[in-house]
N, C-alpha and C. Protein backbone atom coordinates (compact mmCIF):
# COMPACT_ATOMS: atom_id res chain seq x y z
N MET A 1 0.80 -1.24 0.37
CA MET A 1 -0.15 0.37 -0.42
C MET A 1 0.94 1.36 0.02
N LYS A 2 0.40 2.28 -0.68
CA LYS A 2 1.22 2.94 -0.24
C LYS A 2 1.26 4.35 0.07
N HIS A 3 1.54 4.84 1.15
CA HIS A 3 2.16 6.67 1.62
C HIS A 3 2.20 7.54 1.36
N THR A 4 0.98 8.66 2.14
CA THR A 4 0.87 9.53 1.00
C THR A 4 0.71 10.12 2.84
N HIS A 5 2.33 11.28 2.58
CA HIS A 5 2.72 12.09 3.99
C HIS A 5 1.92 13.25 3.55
N VAL A 6 2.29 14.22 4.90
CA VAL A 6 1.43 15.47 5.32
C VAL A 6 1.99 16.29 5.54
N SER A 7 3.20 16.95 5.28
CA SER A 7 3.12 17.64 5.85
C SER A 7 3.43 18.57 6.46
N TRP A 8 3.84 19.63 7.13
CA TRP A 8 3.81 20.28 8.31
C TRP A 8 2.57 21.76 7.82
N ASN A 9 4.23 21.87 6.01
CA ASN A 9 3.15 23.54 5.74
C ASN A 9 1.70 22.42 5.17
N ASP A 10 1.80 21.14 4.68
CA ASP A 10 0.59 20.86 3.53
C ASP A 10 -0.91 20.74 5.20
N MET A 11 -0.46 20.58 6.41
CA MET A 11 -1.30 20.65 7.23
C MET A 11 -2.58 22.00 7.55
N GLN A 12 -1.03 22.88 8.17
CA GLN A 12 -1.79 23.73 7.67
C GLN A 12 -2.81 24.41 6.42
N GLY A 13 -2.01 24.07 5.99
CA GLY A 13 -3.26 24.22 4.50
C GLY A 13 -4.26 24.32 4.43
N HIS A 14 -4.53 22.84 4.57
CA HIS A 14 -5.70 22.41 5.28
C HIS A 14 -6.40 22.66 6.04
N VAL A 15 -5.74 23.18 6.78
CA VAL A 15 -7.30 23.81 8.47
C VAL A 15 -7.56 24.87 7.99
N GLN A 16 -6.80 25.39 6.78
CA GLN A 16 -6.69 26.92 6.45
C GLN A 16 -7.82 26.58 5.25
N GLU A 17 -7.66 25.55 4.38
CA GLU A 17 -9.48 25.32 3.50
C GLU A 17 -10.37 25.31 4.31
N ILE A 18 -10.31 24.01 5.71
CA ILE A 18 -11.44 24.22 6.24
C ILE A 18 -11.95 25.39 6.64
N LEU A 19 -11.15 26.14 7.67
CA LEU A 19 -10.99 27.37 8.18
C LEU A 19 -12.32 28.55 6.75
N ARG A 20 -11.65 28.15 5.23
CA ARG A 20 -12.51 29.15 4.82
C ARG A 20 -14.23 28.54 4.18
N GLN A 21 -13.59 27.31 4.24
CA GLN A 21 -15.10 26.67 3.90
C GLN A 21 -16.15 27.31 5.36
N ILE A 22 -16.24 27.20 6.74
CA ILE A 22 -16.65 27.71 7.41
C ILE A 22 -16.67 28.54 7.59
N GLN A 23 -16.00 30.25 7.18
CA GLN A 23 -16.50 31.50 6.90
C GLN A 23 -17.31 31.20 5.42
N GLN A 24 -17.26 30.10 4.81
CA GLN A 24 -18.16 30.85 3.86
C GLN A 24 -19.73 29.85 3.83
N SER A 25 -19.64 29.43 5.20
CA SER A 25 -21.22 28.72 5.86
C SER A 25 -21.87 29.56 6.42
N SER A 26 -21.06 30.91 7.24
CA SER A 26 -21.98 31.78 7.81
C SER A 26 -22.13 30.51 8.64
N TRP A 27 -21.46 29.62 9.46
CA TRP A 27 -22.14 29.36 10.75
C TRP A 27 -20.59 29.35 11.85
N HIS A 28 -20.83 28.97 12.88
CA HIS A 28 -19.33 29.39 13.65
C HIS A 28 -20.09 28.55 14.49
N PRO A 29 -18.95 27.21 15.53
CA PRO A 29 -18.91 27.13 16.39
C PRO A 29 -19.05 27.54 17.41
N ASP A 30 -19.94 26.84 18.95
CA ASP A 30 -19.75 26.86 19.93
C ASP A 30 -18.57 27.09 20.87
N TYR A 31 -18.37 25.40 19.72
CA TYR A 31 -16.88 25.25 20.77
C TYR A 31 -16.54 24.26 19.60
N VAL A 32 -14.98 23.90 19.72
CA VAL A 32 -14.67 22.57 18.90
C VAL A 32 -14.48 21.59 19.44
N VAL A 33 -14.68 19.93 19.27
CA VAL A 33 -14.42 19.33 19.57
C VAL A 33 -13.61 18.15 19.12
N GLY A 34 -11.86 17.81 19.15
CA GLY A 34 -11.41 16.97 18.40
C GLY A 34 -11.22 15.66 19.27
N LEU A 35 -11.06 14.98 18.78
CA LEU A 35 -10.95 13.86 18.65
C LEU A 35 -10.06 12.65 18.50
N THR A 36 -9.20 12.46 20.25
CA THR A 36 -8.16 12.15 19.87
C THR A 36 -7.72 10.61 19.07
N ARG A 37 -6.35 10.96 18.38
CA ARG A 37 -5.53 11.45 18.32
C ARG A 37 -5.03 12.51 17.81
N GLY A 38 -5.44 12.16 16.08
CA GLY A 38 -5.24 12.34 15.17
C GLY A 38 -6.68 14.08 14.87
N GLY A 39 -7.80 14.18 15.22
CA GLY A 39 -7.84 15.68 15.54
C GLY A 39 -7.60 15.86 16.23
N LEU A 40 -6.55 16.24 17.40
CA LEU A 40 -6.23 17.29 18.14
C LEU A 40 -5.97 18.41 18.02
N THR A 41 -4.62 17.50 17.23
CA THR A 41 -3.49 19.09 16.88
C THR A 41 -4.65 20.44 15.02
N PRO A 42 -5.64 19.93 14.72
CA PRO A 42 -6.37 20.61 13.68
C PRO A 42 -7.02 21.05 14.56
N ALA A 43 -7.83 20.81 15.46
CA ALA A 43 -9.02 21.00 16.45
C ALA A 43 -8.28 22.53 17.11
N VAL A 44 -7.40 22.24 17.80
CA VAL A 44 -6.88 23.21 18.62
C VAL A 44 -6.10 24.14 17.44
N MET A 45 -5.66 24.38 16.07
CA MET A 45 -6.10 24.87 15.17
C MET A 45 -7.57 25.62 14.69
N ILE A 46 -7.96 25.18 14.47
CA ILE A 46 -9.04 25.98 14.45
C ILE A 46 -9.80 26.03 15.71
N SER A 47 -9.32 25.78 16.97
CA SER A 47 -10.06 26.56 18.07
C SER A 47 -9.94 28.13 18.81
N GLN A 48 -8.41 28.20 18.34
CA GLN A 48 -7.53 29.14 18.59
C GLN A 48 -8.23 29.92 17.15
N TYR A 49 -7.74 29.73 16.22
CA TYR A 49 -8.33 31.34 15.08
C TYR A 49 -10.29 31.52 14.97
N LEU A 50 -11.03 30.96 15.16
CA LEU A 50 -12.01 30.68 15.37
C LEU A 50 -12.37 31.75 17.36
N GLU A 51 -11.68 31.68 18.29
CA GLU A 51 -11.64 32.73 19.64
C GLU A 51 -13.33 31.55 20.07
N CYS A 52 -13.53 29.76 20.19
CA CYS A 52 -13.99 29.48 20.90
C CYS A 52 -13.36 28.16 21.09
N PRO A 53 -13.94 28.07 22.50
CA PRO A 53 -12.96 26.90 23.13
C PRO A 53 -13.02 25.74 23.15
N MET A 54 -12.14 24.28 23.23
CA MET A 54 -12.18 23.28 22.05
C MET A 54 -11.99 22.26 23.40
N ASN A 55 -12.43 21.27 22.95
CA ASN A 55 -12.52 19.61 24.14
C ASN A 55 -11.94 18.67 23.33
N ALA A 56 -11.38 17.97 23.89
CA ALA A 56 -10.81 16.78 23.50
C ALA A 56 -12.15 15.54 23.48
N LEU A 57 -12.77 14.87 22.84
CA LEU A 57 -13.34 13.65 22.57
C LEU A 57 -12.16 12.14 23.35
N HIS A 58 -12.35 10.92 23.11
CA HIS A 58 -11.57 9.92 23.09
C HIS A 58 -12.21 9.11 22.61
N VAL A 59 -11.83 8.28 21.72
CA VAL A 59 -12.67 7.58 20.77
C VAL A 59 -12.00 6.70 19.96
N SER A 60 -11.38 5.15 20.75
CA SER A 60 -9.97 4.44 20.28
C SER A 60 -11.09 3.68 19.39
N LEU A 61 -11.21 2.71 18.44
CA LEU A 61 -11.60 2.60 17.70
C LEU A 61 -10.85 0.71 16.86
N ARG A 62 -9.53 1.66 16.74
CA ARG A 62 -8.79 0.82 15.69
C ARG A 62 -7.66 -0.20 16.76
N ASP A 63 -7.26 -0.66 15.86
CA ASP A 63 -6.81 -2.08 16.12
C ASP A 63 -7.46 -3.03 16.75
N GLY A 64 -9.04 -2.98 16.75
CA GLY A 64 -10.19 -3.66 17.94
C GLY A 64 -10.43 -3.50 19.27
N ALA A 65 -9.50 -2.23 19.32
CA ALA A 65 -9.41 -1.08 20.19
C ALA A 65 -10.62 -0.43 20.88
N ASN A 66 -11.80 -0.71 22.06
CA ASN A 66 -12.57 -0.20 22.41
C ASN A 66 -12.50 0.19 23.18
N GLU A 67 -11.64 2.11 23.29
CA GLU A 67 -11.53 2.31 24.52
C GLU A 67 -11.82 3.83 24.82
N SER A 68 -12.51 3.54 24.29
CA SER A 68 -13.97 5.77 24.04
C SER A 68 -14.48 5.88 24.87
N GLU A 69 -14.21 6.41 25.04
CA GLU A 69 -15.36 7.62 26.44
C GLU A 69 -16.79 7.51 25.85
N SER A 70 -17.87 7.82 27.18
CA SER A 70 -18.91 8.66 25.95
C SER A 70 -19.68 9.58 27.19
N ASN A 71 -19.44 11.31 26.70
CA ASN A 71 -19.76 12.38 26.92
C ASN A 71 -21.25 13.19 27.05
N LEU A 72 -21.56 12.41 27.96
CA LEU A 72 -23.41 13.12 28.00
C LEU A 72 -24.01 14.26 27.93
N TRP A 73 -22.75 14.69 28.05
CA TRP A 73 -22.70 16.28 28.18
C TRP A 73 -22.85 17.46 26.48
N MET A 74 -22.26 16.46 25.62
CA MET A 74 -21.95 16.93 24.72
C MET A 74 -22.88 16.34 23.78
N ALA A 75 -23.63 15.17 24.29
CA ALA A 75 -25.16 15.17 23.73
C ALA A 75 -25.78 16.15 23.72
N GLU A 76 -25.71 16.14 25.47
CA GLU A 76 -27.83 16.98 25.60
C GLU A 76 -26.83 18.54 24.31
N ASP A 77 -25.70 18.42 24.63
CA ASP A 77 -25.60 19.90 23.99
C ASP A 77 -26.33 20.23 22.73
N ALA A 78 -25.56 19.09 21.67
CA ALA A 78 -26.15 18.44 20.34
C ALA A 78 -27.63 18.66 20.29
N TYR A 79 -28.26 17.74 21.40
CA TYR A 79 -30.11 17.60 21.44
C TYR A 79 -30.59 18.66 21.50
N GLY A 80 -30.43 19.63 21.97
CA GLY A 80 -30.05 20.96 22.79
C GLY A 80 -31.10 20.65 24.57
N HIS A 81 -31.19 21.78 24.88
CA HIS A 81 -31.55 21.81 26.46
C HIS A 81 -33.18 22.43 26.32
N PRO A 82 -34.22 21.66 26.86
CA PRO A 82 -35.18 22.37 26.82
C PRO A 82 -35.11 23.79 27.74
N ASP A 83 -35.08 24.98 27.76
CA ASP A 83 -35.39 26.44 28.09
C ASP A 83 -36.75 26.79 28.48
N SER A 84 -37.13 26.93 29.57
CA SER A 84 -38.10 27.42 30.36
C SER A 84 -38.76 29.32 30.21
N GLU A 85 -37.24 30.43 29.16
CA GLU A 85 -38.44 30.73 28.49
C GLU A 85 -38.60 31.05 27.42
N ILE A 86 -37.87 30.00 26.68
CA ILE A 86 -38.41 30.19 25.11
C ILE A 86 -39.09 28.28 24.41
N THR A 87 -39.76 28.74 23.96
CA THR A 87 -40.48 27.18 23.62
C THR A 87 -40.08 26.34 22.30
N SER A 88 -38.44 26.84 21.93
CA SER A 88 -37.89 25.32 21.03
C SER A 88 -36.48 25.12 22.78
N ASN A 89 -35.81 23.94 21.82
CA ASN A 89 -34.77 23.76 22.51
C ASN A 89 -33.09 24.49 22.40
N VAL A 90 -33.10 24.71 23.30
CA VAL A 90 -31.28 25.34 23.09
C VAL A 90 -30.06 24.62 23.03
N ARG A 91 -29.64 24.72 21.25
CA ARG A 91 -28.91 23.68 21.39
C ARG A 91 -27.68 24.64 20.83
N LYS A 92 -26.19 23.72 20.98
CA LYS A 92 -25.18 24.31 21.08
C LYS A 92 -24.76 23.55 19.92
N ASN A 93 -24.05 25.17 19.01
CA ASN A 93 -23.17 24.25 17.52
C ASN A 93 -21.25 23.42 18.68
N ILE A 94 -21.47 22.44 17.68
CA ILE A 94 -20.41 21.86 17.93
C ILE A 94 -19.70 21.28 16.93
N LEU A 95 -18.67 21.81 16.71
CA LEU A 95 -17.86 20.69 15.61
C LEU A 95 -16.93 19.93 16.27
N ILE A 96 -16.81 18.43 15.38
CA ILE A 96 -16.39 18.40 15.25
C ILE A 96 -15.18 17.80 14.39
N VAL A 97 -13.89 17.82 15.66
CA VAL A 97 -12.63 17.76 14.05
C VAL A 97 -11.54 16.26 14.63
N ASP A 98 -11.73 15.95 12.60
CA ASP A 98 -10.73 14.53 13.24
C ASP A 98 -9.93 14.83 12.12
N ASP A 99 -8.69 14.29 11.98
CA ASP A 99 -7.77 14.34 10.48
C ASP A 99 -8.15 13.47 9.41
N ILE A 100 -8.86 12.76 9.85
CA ILE A 100 -9.29 11.54 8.36
C ILE A 100 -10.55 10.97 8.84
N ASN A 101 -11.96 10.90 7.98
CA ASN A 101 -12.71 10.05 8.04
C ASN A 101 -12.40 9.05 7.19
N ASP A 102 -12.02 7.65 7.76
CA ASP A 102 -12.02 6.44 7.16
C ASP A 102 -12.51 5.74 6.93
N SER A 103 -12.55 5.29 7.62
CA SER A 103 -13.66 3.85 7.50
C SER A 103 -15.17 4.68 7.58
N GLY A 104 -14.90 5.48 8.32
CA GLY A 104 -16.18 5.55 9.39
C GLY A 104 -16.56 5.41 10.78
N ALA A 105 -16.28 4.37 11.18
CA ALA A 105 -16.49 3.89 12.24
C ALA A 105 -16.76 4.44 13.53
N THR A 106 -15.24 5.51 13.98
CA THR A 106 -15.24 6.51 15.40
C THR A 106 -16.51 7.48 14.61
N LEU A 107 -16.37 8.28 13.48
CA LEU A 107 -18.07 9.05 13.42
C LEU A 107 -19.03 8.52 13.66
N ASN A 108 -19.30 7.27 13.37
CA ASN A 108 -20.85 5.98 13.58
C ASN A 108 -20.83 6.29 14.86
N TRP A 109 -19.55 6.04 15.60
CA TRP A 109 -19.67 5.76 17.40
C TRP A 109 -20.65 7.03 17.63
N ILE A 110 -19.47 7.70 17.29
CA ILE A 110 -20.52 8.83 17.83
C ILE A 110 -21.48 9.37 18.24
N LYS A 111 -21.52 9.08 16.97
CA LYS A 111 -23.08 9.59 16.72
C LYS A 111 -24.45 8.38 17.24
N GLU A 112 -23.69 7.90 17.40
CA GLU A 112 -25.07 6.64 17.76
C GLU A 112 -24.78 6.56 19.55
N ASP A 113 -23.33 6.89 19.83
CA ASP A 113 -23.02 6.83 20.91
C ASP A 113 -23.93 8.48 21.91
N TRP A 114 -24.19 9.45 21.10
CA TRP A 114 -24.52 10.71 21.36
C TRP A 114 -26.28 10.37 21.49
N ARG A 115 -26.92 9.90 20.70
CA ARG A 115 -28.42 9.83 20.76
C ARG A 115 -28.82 8.65 21.78
N ALA A 116 -27.60 7.31 22.75
CA ALA A 116 -27.95 6.12 22.59
C ALA A 116 -28.40 7.04 24.02
N SER A 117 -27.18 7.86 24.90
CA SER A 117 -27.01 9.39 25.53
C SER A 117 -28.20 9.69 25.55
N CYS A 118 -29.20 10.20 24.90
CA CYS A 118 -29.94 11.75 25.43
C CYS A 118 -31.23 11.29 24.24
N TYR A 119 -32.22 11.09 24.37
CA TYR A 119 -32.85 10.98 23.53
C TYR A 119 -33.31 9.91 22.81
N PRO A 120 -33.11 8.72 22.56
CA PRO A 120 -32.59 7.35 21.53
C PRO A 120 -33.79 7.80 20.39
N ARG A 121 -34.80 7.76 20.67
CA ARG A 121 -36.34 7.69 20.26
C ARG A 121 -36.47 8.47 19.58
N ASP A 122 -35.94 9.79 19.81
CA ASP A 122 -36.78 10.64 18.98
C ASP A 122 -35.94 11.68 17.80
N PRO A 123 -36.33 11.55 16.77
CA PRO A 123 -36.44 12.23 15.33
C PRO A 123 -35.27 12.98 14.88
N ILE A 124 -35.31 13.56 16.17
CA ILE A 124 -34.66 15.07 15.41
C ILE A 124 -33.00 15.00 15.93
N TRP A 125 -33.25 13.77 15.96
CA TRP A 125 -30.72 13.02 15.52
C TRP A 125 -31.23 12.66 14.38
N ASP A 126 -32.27 12.45 13.83
CA ASP A 126 -31.93 12.60 12.18
C ASP A 126 -32.07 13.63 11.02
N GLN A 127 -33.08 14.36 12.06
CA GLN A 127 -33.90 15.37 11.41
C GLN A 127 -32.90 16.26 11.68
N GLY A 128 -32.44 16.67 12.78
CA GLY A 128 -32.14 18.58 13.09
C GLY A 128 -30.40 18.52 13.72
N VAL A 129 -30.12 17.55 14.07
CA VAL A 129 -28.72 17.74 13.85
C VAL A 129 -28.04 17.42 13.95
N TRP A 130 -27.71 16.04 13.02
CA TRP A 130 -25.93 16.15 12.18
C TRP A 130 -25.70 16.39 10.76
N GLY A 131 -25.36 18.26 10.45
CA GLY A 131 -24.94 18.24 9.75
C GLY A 131 -26.39 19.50 10.00
N HIS A 132 -26.88 20.06 11.32
CA HIS A 132 -27.14 21.36 11.70
C HIS A 132 -25.75 22.36 12.06
N ASN A 133 -26.49 21.73 13.81
CA ASN A 133 -25.82 22.57 14.34
C ASN A 133 -24.48 21.61 15.34
N VAL A 134 -24.18 20.20 15.03
CA VAL A 134 -23.61 19.61 14.90
C VAL A 134 -23.09 19.21 13.46
N ARG A 135 -21.57 19.52 13.64
CA ARG A 135 -21.24 19.03 12.50
C ARG A 135 -19.51 18.96 12.44
N VAL A 136 -19.14 18.24 10.62
CA VAL A 136 -18.11 17.52 11.03
C VAL A 136 -16.63 18.44 9.73
N ALA A 137 -15.52 18.07 10.11
CA ALA A 137 -14.31 18.32 9.88
C ALA A 137 -13.34 17.90 9.38
N VAL A 138 -12.88 17.67 8.44
CA VAL A 138 -11.43 16.42 8.64
C VAL A 138 -10.92 17.20 7.84
N LEU A 139 -9.30 17.23 7.76
CA LEU A 139 -8.55 17.03 6.66
C LEU A 139 -8.74 16.14 5.48
N PHE A 140 -8.81 14.86 5.42
CA PHE A 140 -8.84 13.98 5.03
C PHE A 140 -10.12 13.16 4.46
N ASP A 141 -11.51 12.94 3.45
CA ASP A 141 -12.30 12.82 3.33
C ASP A 141 -12.14 11.80 2.16
N ASN A 142 -12.55 9.90 3.07
CA ASN A 142 -11.88 8.67 1.79
C ASN A 142 -13.61 8.25 1.99
N GLU A 143 -14.19 9.39 0.47
CA GLU A 143 -15.67 9.23 -0.02
C GLU A 143 -15.98 7.75 0.04
N SER A 144 -14.95 6.49 -0.03
CA SER A 144 -15.34 5.23 0.38
C SER A 144 -15.92 4.75 1.89
N SER A 145 -15.49 5.66 1.83
CA SER A 145 -15.97 5.35 3.83
C SER A 145 -17.21 4.77 4.34
N ASP A 146 -17.92 4.24 5.25
CA ASP A 146 -19.44 3.70 5.72
C ASP A 146 -19.57 4.84 6.67
N CYS A 147 -19.18 5.66 6.40
CA CYS A 147 -19.99 6.77 7.95
C CYS A 147 -20.75 7.52 7.46
N LYS A 148 -22.00 7.57 7.95
CA LYS A 148 -23.05 8.08 8.71
C LYS A 148 -23.19 9.34 8.89
N VAL A 149 -21.98 9.42 9.14
CA VAL A 149 -22.69 11.10 8.71
C VAL A 149 -22.26 11.94 8.44
N PRO A 150 -23.29 13.02 8.11
CA PRO A 150 -22.07 14.12 6.74
C PRO A 150 -20.84 13.80 6.92
N ILE A 151 -20.29 15.24 6.39
CA ILE A 151 -18.77 15.79 6.53
C ILE A 151 -18.91 17.36 6.09
N SER A 152 -19.04 17.83 6.74
CA SER A 152 -19.26 19.41 6.31
C SER A 152 -18.34 20.02 6.12
N TYR A 153 -17.12 19.76 5.98
CA TYR A 153 -16.24 20.37 5.89
C TYR A 153 -14.71 19.50 5.40
N SER A 154 -14.65 19.46 4.99
CA SER A 154 -12.66 18.21 4.21
C SER A 154 -11.76 19.92 3.34
N ALA A 155 -10.30 18.70 3.42
CA ALA A 155 -10.06 20.07 2.67
C ALA A 155 -9.05 19.16 0.93
N VAL A 156 -9.26 17.65 1.46
CA VAL A 156 -9.04 16.84 0.50
C VAL A 156 -9.98 15.59 0.68
N SER A 157 -10.37 15.52 -0.77
CA SER A 157 -10.99 14.21 -0.92
C SER A 157 -10.58 12.48 -1.28
N ILE A 158 -10.54 11.38 -0.93
CA ILE A 158 -9.36 10.65 -1.44
C ILE A 158 -11.00 9.42 -1.99
N ASN A 159 -10.03 8.99 -2.33
CA ASN A 159 -10.88 7.35 -2.32
C ASN A 159 -10.07 6.00 -2.27
N LYS A 160 -10.64 5.45 -1.30
CA LYS A 160 -8.87 4.47 -0.80
C LYS A 160 -9.77 2.82 -1.46
N ALA A 161 -10.90 2.97 -2.02
CA ALA A 161 -11.26 1.82 -2.98
C ALA A 161 -10.40 1.95 -4.04
N ALA A 162 -10.72 3.00 -4.40
CA ALA A 162 -10.27 3.15 -6.12
C ALA A 162 -8.14 3.10 -5.94
N ASP A 163 -7.74 4.43 -5.39
CA ASP A 163 -6.77 4.14 -4.49
C ASP A 163 -6.52 3.48 -3.55
N PRO A 164 -5.24 2.50 -2.84
CA PRO A 164 -5.53 2.02 -1.68
C PRO A 164 -4.82 3.08 -1.33
N GLN A 165 -3.92 3.52 -0.13
CA GLN A 165 -3.20 4.56 0.38
C GLN A 165 -3.06 4.95 1.97
N TRP A 166 -2.20 5.13 2.85
CA TRP A 166 -1.66 4.95 4.07
C TRP A 166 -1.58 7.00 4.56
N VAL A 167 -2.53 7.23 4.99
CA VAL A 167 -1.89 9.23 4.98
C VAL A 167 -1.38 8.84 6.58
N VAL A 168 0.38 9.81 6.18
CA VAL A 168 0.33 9.05 7.47
C VAL A 168 0.49 10.76 8.06
N PHE A 169 0.35 11.27 8.34
CA PHE A 169 0.71 13.46 9.24
C PHE A 169 1.61 13.40 9.99
N PRO A 170 1.58 14.14 10.00
CA PRO A 170 3.30 15.20 10.56
C PRO A 170 3.65 14.79 11.73
N TRP A 171 2.65 14.33 12.32
CA TRP A 171 2.84 13.98 13.81
C TRP A 171 2.80 12.59 14.14
N GLU A 172 2.75 11.54 13.51
CA GLU A 172 3.40 10.22 13.43
C GLU A 172 4.16 9.83 13.09
N ALA A 173 5.03 8.66 14.02
CA ALA A 173 6.22 9.27 13.91
C ALA A 173 7.17 9.63 13.05
N TRP A 174 7.40 11.66 14.29
CA TRP A 174 7.34 12.31 13.77
C TRP A 174 9.52 12.13 13.85
N TRP A 175 9.80 11.19 14.97
CA TRP A 175 11.30 11.02 15.62
C TRP A 175 11.98 10.45 14.29
N LYS A 176 11.32 8.98 13.51
CA LYS A 176 11.73 9.06 12.20
C LYS A 176 12.45 9.52 11.05
N LYS A 177 12.10 10.65 10.96
CA LYS A 177 12.57 11.74 10.33
C LYS A 177 14.29 11.87 9.71
């Protein structure tokens, strides 16, 4: 399998492209969620630029591991909190950031975990959360993934089914160079 190496300069350009897309959409997150490990660096960069808080979410499904954390408060922010002064729910705008949408498993896990954590039978999860007040940004989007979450912002589209490749980010094995 070929390896596609991403330099720090490339990565910064990819983050700038995502920021450009966010600004064009006229949407602004209340906070950014960086997925451990690969999403943390771009999430910090995005949150600094947008001047909004950043939180980390640990989701590790790689290599058969399932060491993921549920964050009920994020699910509640996504779903919305009933406000006694307003008749509708108040939802927070959340930007989830990862380095790559590879297989789709990580984002699918978050979608199902948040739904199961907060009013799982409410159709609002499918009709009004994902792609609306909760959006996803990835540096690389694998078009052949099984992701059930809409990718709102991406810098590079790849198709690993047509062109198998392993994307190597600058924070991976940097000491070996």
